[in-house]
């Protein structure tokens, strides 16, 4: 059984106020692949945008001292295998990145917003 890092160190994890992300293990999960996810009107696939956004996010997190890993890169990896990989990595935080569509016939200027899901791993 996997134990979150904060429990291995005791009840409290000291946080550096100047660098709160330092040494935090974050796994980014670029959603989709092998399935394409949402497809834009010009054929741009959600799985591609998820990976691009994940890579940019990783750069910003690493600049703040986080240790970033990915559930997948360019390789097609079904959800079950991505989940298994995340369990192997045993991060402090998992962020799954998606770009959901508004749906056919919906005006994205009127129907927009964000969705946020979080999970305290394992």
Protein backbone atom coordinates (compact mmCIF):
# COMPACT_ATOMS: atom_id res chain seq x y z
CA UNK A 1 0.00 0.00 0.00
CA UNK A 2 1.22 3.47 -0.88
CA UNK A 3 1.52 6.07 1.82
CA UNK A 4 1.35 9.79 1.01
CA UNK A 5 4.66 11.49 1.66
CA UNK A 6 3.25 13.83 4.30
CA UNK A 7 2.23 10.83 6.41
CA UNK A 8 5.71 9.35 6.14
CA UNK A 9 7.13 12.53 7.67
CA UNK A 10 4.55 12.88 10.42
CA UNK A 11 1.37 14.86 10.77
CA UNK A 12 2.80 18.15 9.59
CA UNK A 13 4.82 18.96 6.51
CA UNK A 14 6.90 22.10 6.82
CA UNK A 15 6.14 24.49 3.98
CA UNK A 16 8.71 27.04 2.90
CA UNK A 17 6.69 30.28 2.72
CA UNK A 18 9.01 31.66 0.05
CA UNK A 19 8.87 28.50 -2.07
CA UNK A 20 5.68 26.57 -1.19
CA UNK A 21 6.03 24.21 -4.17
CA UNK A 22 9.64 23.26 -3.46
CA UNK A 23 10.05 19.47 -3.59
CA UNK A 24 6.30 18.91 -3.99
CA UNK A 25 5.86 15.88 -6.27
CA UNK A 26 3.21 16.70 -8.86
CA UNK A 27 2.06 14.31 -11.56
CA UNK A 28 0.43 15.95 -14.57
CA UNK A 29 -2.05 13.78 -16.45
CA UNK A 30 -2.61 15.11 -19.98
CA UNK A 31 -6.07 13.70 -20.57
CA UNK A 32 -6.91 11.34 -23.43
CA UNK A 33 -4.71 9.30 -25.76
CA UNK A 34 -5.18 6.88 -27.32
CA UNK A 35 -8.68 8.35 -27.72
CA UNK A 36 -8.74 11.82 -29.28
CA UNK A 37 -11.04 13.57 -26.84
CA UNK A 38 -12.86 16.62 -28.17
CA UNK A 39 -11.97 17.66 -31.74
CA UNK A 40 -12.09 21.31 -32.79
CA UNK A 41 -13.63 22.59 -36.02
CA UNK A 42 -10.22 22.54 -37.71
CA UNK A 43 -9.36 19.05 -36.51
CA UNK A 44 -7.17 19.98 -33.54
CA UNK A 45 -7.51 17.18 -31.00
CA UNK A 46 -7.98 17.65 -27.27
CA UNK A 47 -5.27 15.11 -26.49
CA UNK A 48 -2.78 17.37 -28.33
CA UNK A 49 -3.79 20.54 -26.49
CA UNK A 50 -3.79 18.70 -23.14
CA UNK A 51 -0.19 17.63 -23.68
CA UNK A 52 0.92 21.12 -24.78
CA UNK A 53 -0.74 22.73 -21.76
CA UNK A 54 0.77 20.08 -19.46
CA UNK A 55 4.27 20.76 -20.76
CA UNK A 56 3.89 24.51 -20.23
CA UNK A 57 2.43 23.92 -16.77
CA UNK A 58 5.38 21.66 -15.90
CA UNK A 59 7.85 24.43 -16.80
CA UNK A 60 6.09 26.85 -14.46
CA UNK A 61 5.83 24.35 -11.62
CA UNK A 62 9.48 23.32 -11.96
CA UNK A 63 10.52 26.98 -11.92
CA UNK A 64 8.85 27.13 -8.49
CA UNK A 65 10.76 24.07 -7.27
CA UNK A 66 8.18 21.32 -7.82
CA UNK A 67 9.26 17.89 -9.02
CA UNK A 68 7.01 17.20 -12.01
CA UNK A 69 6.27 13.91 -13.73
CA UNK A 70 3.77 12.93 -16.41
CA UNK A 71 1.29 10.08 -16.61
CA UNK A 72 1.96 10.01 -20.36
CA UNK A 73 3.95 11.86 -22.99
CA UNK A 74 3.48 11.32 -26.74
CA UNK A 75 2.94 7.62 -26.18
CA UNK A 76 -0.64 6.34 -26.31
CA UNK A 77 -1.48 5.11 -22.83
CA UNK A 78 -5.02 4.08 -21.90
CA UNK A 79 -6.55 5.45 -18.70
CA UNK A 80 -5.97 2.27 -16.66
CA UNK A 81 -2.27 2.26 -17.55
CA UNK A 82 -1.98 5.99 -16.79
CA UNK A 83 -3.56 5.31 -13.40
CA UNK A 84 -1.10 2.49 -12.74
CA UNK A 85 1.77 4.80 -13.68
CA UNK A 86 0.50 7.48 -11.30
CA UNK A 87 0.39 4.95 -8.48
CA UNK A 88 4.00 3.97 -9.26
CA UNK A 89 5.07 7.62 -9.18
CA UNK A 90 3.21 8.12 -5.87
CA UNK A 91 2.96 11.91 -6.16
CA UNK A 92 1.75 14.37 -3.56
CA UNK A 93 -0.71 15.77 -6.10
CA UNK A 94 -2.21 14.67 -9.43
CA UNK A 95 -3.57 17.23 -11.88
CA UNK A 96 -5.50 15.87 -14.85
CA UNK A 97 -5.68 18.38 -17.68
CA UNK A 98 -8.59 18.41 -20.11
CA UNK A 99 -10.23 20.82 -22.55
CA UNK A 100 -13.87 19.88 -22.68
CA UNK A 101 -16.01 21.07 -25.55
CA UNK A 102 -19.20 23.05 -25.19
CA UNK A 103 -20.93 20.55 -27.47
CA UNK A 104 -22.27 20.72 -31.00
CA UNK A 105 -24.48 23.70 -31.65
CA UNK A 106 -23.33 25.53 -28.49
CA UNK A 107 -21.86 29.02 -28.70
CA UNK A 108 -18.60 28.90 -26.68
CA UNK A 109 -18.88 32.65 -26.07
CA UNK A 110 -22.10 32.00 -24.15
CA UNK A 111 -21.36 28.54 -22.74
CA UNK A 112 -17.98 28.62 -21.07
CA UNK A 113 -16.25 28.17 -17.77
CA UNK A 114 -14.00 25.77 -15.99
CA UNK A 115 -14.28 22.44 -14.28
CA UNK A 116 -12.03 21.56 -11.40
CA UNK A 117 -11.65 18.10 -9.96
CA UNK A 118 -9.16 17.19 -7.30
CA UNK A 119 -8.10 13.99 -5.68
CA UNK A 120 -5.88 13.43 -2.71
CA UNK A 121 -3.99 10.47 -4.15
CA UNK A 122 -4.35 7.04 -2.75
